[in-house]
Structure formats: C-alpha cells, structure tokens
Amino acid sequence: MIMNKKMKTTLGMIFLFSSAYGQTTDLGVKADKENKAIPQTYFTPIIKLASSNLNYGSDNSSVADFKKELKGIQAGASVQIGLAPHVSLLTEFYYMRKGGILKANNPLTTDETTYKFNTLELPVLARLHLGRIHVNAGPSVAYYFSGKEKTTDQTKAISFNKTGDGYRRLKAGIGMGGGYTFPIKQKQFTLDIRYNHGLTNISHSKEMYNRSIVVSIIAVKRPNSKPATEIGTL
C-alpha cells in the first residue's frame, strides 16, 4: 500500500506529538519527585565565629549607646534529619563564648566592663525547606560552666551561686532564622543566619539576658555524591 503525502504528514505529526508528550511526562514526574523529596540527612562538625550581647532589661535603654558586641567562637556538631517532604529536624551541640561589653562612663558600672561566659548549648529546631530557601525555629538550653568579668583595673572569675552577685548556670532560649542552600560541584553549601533570644535572667542581682546572632556556612556532600565525611566550614 502506497501512502500519499497527506497520510505521511499526519503520521509524522502523531509521532512528534507522542514523543513530545512522553518527554513532558518524564519531566513532570521528575519535577514532582524533586518537589516531594525529603531533605538530606547529614552530620557535620561546625566551627564558626559568632557575636553576642547582653540585654539589661529595664536598664537596657539607658545603656544602649554604651553596649558593644562580644566576638566569640562556636564549635561543635550539627545534625539534620530529613523527616518528610520539605521538613527536617536540626539539632546541634556546641561550645560557645558569649557575653557583652559596656563602654566607659556607662550608668551601670561606670568603668568599661566586659562579661565573658563559656557555655555549652543544645538547640533543637524544626526546619521548613522551600526550594533552596529554609526557615527554622525552636527552643534551646545552655549551661554556663565558667566566666570572667573584666573592668579597667581588675579581672575576676564569675561566681555561679545564689548570692547577690552570683549568676545562674542554666539558660533557656529560642532560636529563629533562615538561610539559603546552593550547590557547587560535589558540595552543597548552606548559609544560615540565626538569632538566639535568651529568656532566662542569668544574674541574681540585676537583669541580664544573653542574646546572640550566628552566621554560618556549612558544606556537606551532595545527596547524589559518593559517601564521605561531611565537613563544616566557617
């Protein structure tokens, strides 16, 4: 049977439509799988710089112009566990130096005063993934194991007791923030900016709440890469 030109054209169009439909379906299935993908589970050490400051409660407005951030180090480990599409649980355990500085002539201490606290912290955050963007929030608890108070002419160890000039060891807080994940070759880099809001008054003699902002970039192996130790970076 000899096909005429019109039949050949019709069959050709049917073939092209079928091929295009098949490719579109494949892309749709792939996109649907990506949209429903559970976030990556990983463990990584972390070491980064952080800045913290103290809030003095009812006296905070009077010392606002005298306050200065204290730079410190945060070092420990971070674990993200993928739970469901777009949802993961992030928990960390780390050492962090926190505190704040009051410049000279302030209405609370007169002399320049630096408070430094050495802490161990454990935040547990729920993380929502929206494409490459994420937001996270959750509670945290900190243990203050040592500290120093430095003025112009002396430095003394901070006392953790229930006396008038003592400090509390345990602190509760809330962490919240967000970030962005971007791939580079076989690595996946996550930029995270987080604000930690201390809820506990850490002093027995005055109002002092520790607050901090932490900016970090964590690098891990991409899910489709060969398994390897995942390393955190500054």
Protein backbone atom coordinates (compact mmCIF):
# COMPACT_ATOMS: atom_id res chain seq x y z
CA MET A 1 0.00 0.00 0.00
CA ILE A 2 1.39 3.33 -1.01
CA MET A 3 0.81 6.23 1.46
CA ASN A 4 0.00 9.57 -0.03
CA LYS A 5 1.68 12.80 1.10
CA LYS A 6 -1.20 13.76 3.41
CA MET A 7 -1.06 10.46 5.32
CA LYS A 8 2.71 10.75 5.74
CA THR A 9 2.33 14.26 7.15
CA THR A 10 -0.40 13.13 9.58
CA LEU A 11 1.63 10.14 10.81
CA GLY A 12 4.68 12.37 11.22
CA MET A 13 2.71 14.82 13.35
CA ILE A 14 1.35 11.98 15.51
CA PHE A 15 4.88 10.66 16.06
CA LEU A 16 6.21 14.10 17.03
CA PHE A 17 3.30 14.72 19.42
CA SER A 18 3.78 11.33 21.10
CA SER A 19 7.50 11.95 21.52
CA ALA A 20 6.95 15.43 22.95
CA TYR A 21 4.22 14.18 25.28
CA GLY A 22 6.48 11.43 26.57
CA GLN A 23 9.31 13.87 27.29
CA THR A 24 6.92 16.29 29.01
CA THR A 25 5.53 13.48 31.15
CA ASP A 26 9.05 12.39 32.16
CA LEU A 27 9.95 15.96 33.12
CA GLY A 28 6.73 16.31 35.07
CA VAL A 29 7.38 13.10 37.01
CA LYS A 30 10.97 14.20 37.71
CA ALA A 31 9.84 17.64 38.90
CA ASP A 32 7.15 16.06 41.07
CA LYS A 33 9.72 13.74 42.67
CA GLU A 34 12.04 16.68 43.32
CA ASN A 35 9.23 18.70 44.89
CA LYS A 36 8.37 15.80 47.20
CA ALA A 37 11.98 14.95 48.07
CA ILE A 38 12.76 14.55 51.77
CA PRO A 39 15.54 16.95 52.88
CA GLN A 40 19.02 15.50 53.16
CA THR A 41 20.12 13.85 56.41
CA TYR A 42 23.68 14.70 57.46
CA PHE A 43 26.11 15.03 60.35
CA THR A 44 28.84 17.65 60.27
CA PRO A 45 31.27 19.29 62.70
CA ILE A 46 30.89 23.06 62.98
CA ILE A 47 33.31 25.84 63.83
CA LYS A 48 32.41 29.46 63.25
CA LEU A 49 32.54 33.00 64.55
CA ALA A 50 29.60 34.42 66.48
CA SER A 51 28.70 37.73 68.08
CA SER A 52 26.66 38.13 71.25
CA ASN A 53 25.45 40.89 73.53
CA LEU A 54 23.62 41.33 76.81
CA ASN A 55 20.19 42.80 77.36
CA TYR A 56 19.84 44.61 80.71
CA GLY A 57 16.05 44.53 80.99
CA SER A 58 14.57 47.76 82.34
CA ASP A 59 18.05 49.39 82.25
CA ASN A 60 18.73 48.41 78.65
CA SER A 61 17.59 51.70 77.10
CA SER A 62 19.85 53.73 79.41
CA VAL A 63 22.96 51.77 78.34
CA ALA A 64 22.02 51.32 74.67
CA ASP A 65 24.70 53.78 73.49
CA PHE A 66 27.37 52.10 75.62
CA LYS A 67 26.80 48.49 74.56
CA LYS A 68 29.27 46.66 72.34
CA GLU A 69 29.12 43.14 70.93
CA LEU A 70 31.48 40.43 72.10
CA LYS A 71 33.03 38.28 69.38
CA GLY A 72 33.39 34.59 70.16
CA ILE A 73 33.83 31.10 68.75
CA GLN A 74 31.20 28.43 68.32
CA ALA A 75 32.45 24.85 67.89
CA GLY A 76 30.63 21.53 67.99
CA ALA A 77 28.48 19.33 65.79
CA SER A 78 25.29 19.71 63.77
CA VAL A 79 22.81 17.03 62.69
CA GLN A 80 19.98 17.48 60.20
CA ILE A 81 17.42 14.67 59.91
CA GLY A 82 15.01 14.62 56.98
CA LEU A 83 11.54 13.76 58.28
CA ALA A 84 9.08 14.45 55.46
CA PRO A 85 8.87 16.39 52.20
CA HIS A 86 10.09 19.95 52.92
CA VAL A 87 10.56 19.23 56.65
CA SER A 88 13.64 18.33 58.69
CA LEU A 89 14.80 18.42 62.31
CA LEU A 90 18.05 20.23 63.11
CA THR A 91 19.86 19.71 66.40
CA GLU A 92 23.29 20.95 67.45
CA PHE A 93 25.59 20.62 70.44
CA TYR A 94 28.40 23.13 70.75
CA TYR A 95 30.66 25.25 72.92
CA MET A 96 30.18 29.00 72.58
CA ARG A 97 31.74 32.05 74.23
CA LYS A 98 29.04 34.63 74.90
CA GLY A 99 28.68 37.93 76.74
CA GLY A 100 28.87 41.64 76.10
CA ILE A 101 30.81 44.86 76.66
CA LEU A 102 29.80 48.11 78.34
CA LYS A 103 31.96 51.06 77.35
CA ALA A 104 33.38 53.54 79.88
CA ASN A 105 31.10 56.08 81.62
CA ASN A 106 28.05 53.84 81.32
CA PRO A 107 25.35 54.36 84.00
CA LEU A 108 25.56 50.80 85.37
CA THR A 109 29.28 50.13 86.03
CA THR A 110 30.93 53.48 85.15
CA ASP A 111 34.15 51.72 84.10
CA GLU A 112 34.41 49.77 80.86
CA THR A 113 33.22 46.26 81.71
CA THR A 114 33.46 43.03 79.72
CA TYR A 115 31.41 39.94 80.58
CA LYS A 116 32.56 36.61 79.11
CA PHE A 117 30.67 33.35 79.60
CA ASN A 118 31.76 29.90 78.45
CA THR A 119 28.69 27.87 77.59
CA LEU A 120 27.52 24.52 76.24
CA GLU A 121 24.34 24.79 74.19
CA LEU A 122 21.77 22.42 72.71
CA PRO A 123 19.21 23.88 70.27
CA VAL A 124 16.51 21.74 68.63
CA LEU A 125 14.98 23.41 65.57
CA ALA A 126 12.22 22.49 63.15
CA ARG A 127 13.33 23.42 59.62
CA LEU A 128 11.00 24.10 56.69
CA HIS A 129 12.55 23.81 53.21
CA LEU A 130 11.06 25.90 50.40
CA GLY A 131 13.22 25.04 47.42
CA ARG A 132 16.70 26.31 48.22
CA ILE A 133 15.38 28.60 50.97
CA HIS A 134 14.80 27.38 54.53
CA VAL A 135 13.42 28.81 57.75
CA ASN A 136 13.92 27.30 61.20
CA ALA A 137 12.85 27.88 64.78
CA GLY A 138 12.83 26.06 68.09
CA PRO A 139 13.92 26.01 71.74
CA SER A 140 17.45 25.85 73.11
CA VAL A 141 19.04 25.24 76.51
CA ALA A 142 22.51 26.39 77.63
CA TYR A 143 24.78 25.50 80.55
CA TYR A 144 27.18 28.22 81.79
CA PHE A 145 30.25 26.44 83.20
CA SER A 146 32.64 29.38 83.69
CA GLY A 147 33.06 33.09 83.06
CA LYS A 148 35.02 36.28 83.74
CA GLU A 149 34.12 39.87 84.48
CA LYS A 150 36.79 42.38 83.47
CA THR A 151 36.88 46.08 84.37
CA THR A 152 39.52 48.73 83.76
CA ASP A 153 41.65 47.73 86.76
CA GLN A 154 40.73 44.12 87.57
CA THR A 155 39.55 40.75 86.26
CA LYS A 156 37.63 38.29 88.40
CA ALA A 157 36.04 34.90 87.88
CA ILE A 158 32.26 34.92 87.73
CA SER A 159 30.60 33.12 90.63
CA PHE A 160 27.74 30.74 89.91
CA ASN A 161 25.77 30.69 93.14
CA LYS A 162 22.61 32.17 94.67
CA THR A 163 24.33 35.11 96.37
CA GLY A 164 23.69 38.73 95.39
CA ASP A 165 26.50 38.91 92.81
CA GLY A 166 26.13 35.33 91.55
CA TYR A 167 24.92 34.01 88.19
CA ARG A 168 22.72 31.14 87.08
CA ARG A 169 24.22 28.21 85.18
CA LEU A 170 21.15 27.16 83.17
CA LYS A 171 19.55 29.33 80.49
CA ALA A 172 16.56 28.72 78.23
CA GLY A 173 16.07 30.46 74.91
CA ILE A 174 14.50 30.43 71.47
CA GLY A 175 16.37 30.29 68.17
CA MET A 176 14.95 31.50 64.86
CA GLY A 177 16.27 32.34 61.42
CA GLY A 178 16.68 31.13 57.88
CA GLY A 179 19.07 30.65 55.01
CA TYR A 180 19.83 29.51 51.50
CA THR A 181 21.39 26.35 50.04
CA PHE A 182 23.42 26.35 46.82
CA PRO A 183 25.37 23.55 45.09
CA ILE A 184 28.98 23.87 43.88
CA LYS A 185 30.29 20.78 42.13
CA GLN A 186 30.04 17.83 44.54
CA LYS A 187 29.39 20.03 47.59
CA GLN A 188 26.21 21.56 48.94
CA PHE A 189 26.69 24.83 50.85
CA THR A 190 24.09 26.10 53.31
CA LEU A 191 24.18 29.70 54.52
CA ASP A 192 22.28 30.09 57.80
CA ILE A 193 21.61 33.27 59.79
CA ARG A 194 20.18 32.69 63.25
CA TYR A 195 19.14 34.86 66.18
CA ASN A 196 19.20 33.30 69.67
CA HIS A 197 16.91 35.04 72.15
CA GLY A 198 17.74 34.31 75.79
CA LEU A 199 14.66 34.05 78.01
CA THR A 200 16.36 33.45 81.37
CA ASN A 201 17.76 36.20 83.57
CA ILE A 202 21.27 34.87 84.18
CA SER A 203 22.07 37.23 87.10
CA HIS A 204 20.75 37.19 90.68
CA SER A 205 21.48 40.89 91.32
CA LYS A 206 20.36 42.59 88.07
CA GLU A 207 18.59 41.90 84.79
CA MET A 208 20.88 40.25 82.20
CA TYR A 209 19.72 38.24 79.21
CA ASN A 210 22.17 36.80 76.71
CA ARG A 211 21.31 37.38 73.03
CA SER A 212 23.37 36.35 70.01
CA ILE A 213 23.48 36.31 66.20
CA VAL A 214 25.27 33.47 64.44
CA VAL A 215 26.10 33.45 60.73
CA SER A 216 27.41 30.17 59.33
CA ILE A 217 28.16 28.35 56.10
CA ILE A 218 28.08 24.56 56.30
CA ALA A 219 29.34 22.35 53.47
CA VAL A 220 28.29 18.72 53.02
CA LYS A 221 28.41 16.18 50.22
CA ARG A 222 25.50 16.43 47.82
CA PRO A 223 22.98 13.55 48.09
CA ASN A 224 23.97 12.10 44.71
CA SER A 225 27.70 12.11 45.54
CA LYS A 226 29.74 9.22 46.86
CA PRO A 227 29.54 8.86 50.66
CA ALA A 228 32.25 10.75 52.52
CA THR A 229 32.90 12.53 55.78
CA GLU A 230 30.93 15.77 55.81
CA ILE A 231 32.89 18.80 56.92
CA GLY A 232 31.58 22.08 58.34
CA THR A 233 33.36 25.31 57.44
CA LEU A 234 33.45 28.89 58.58
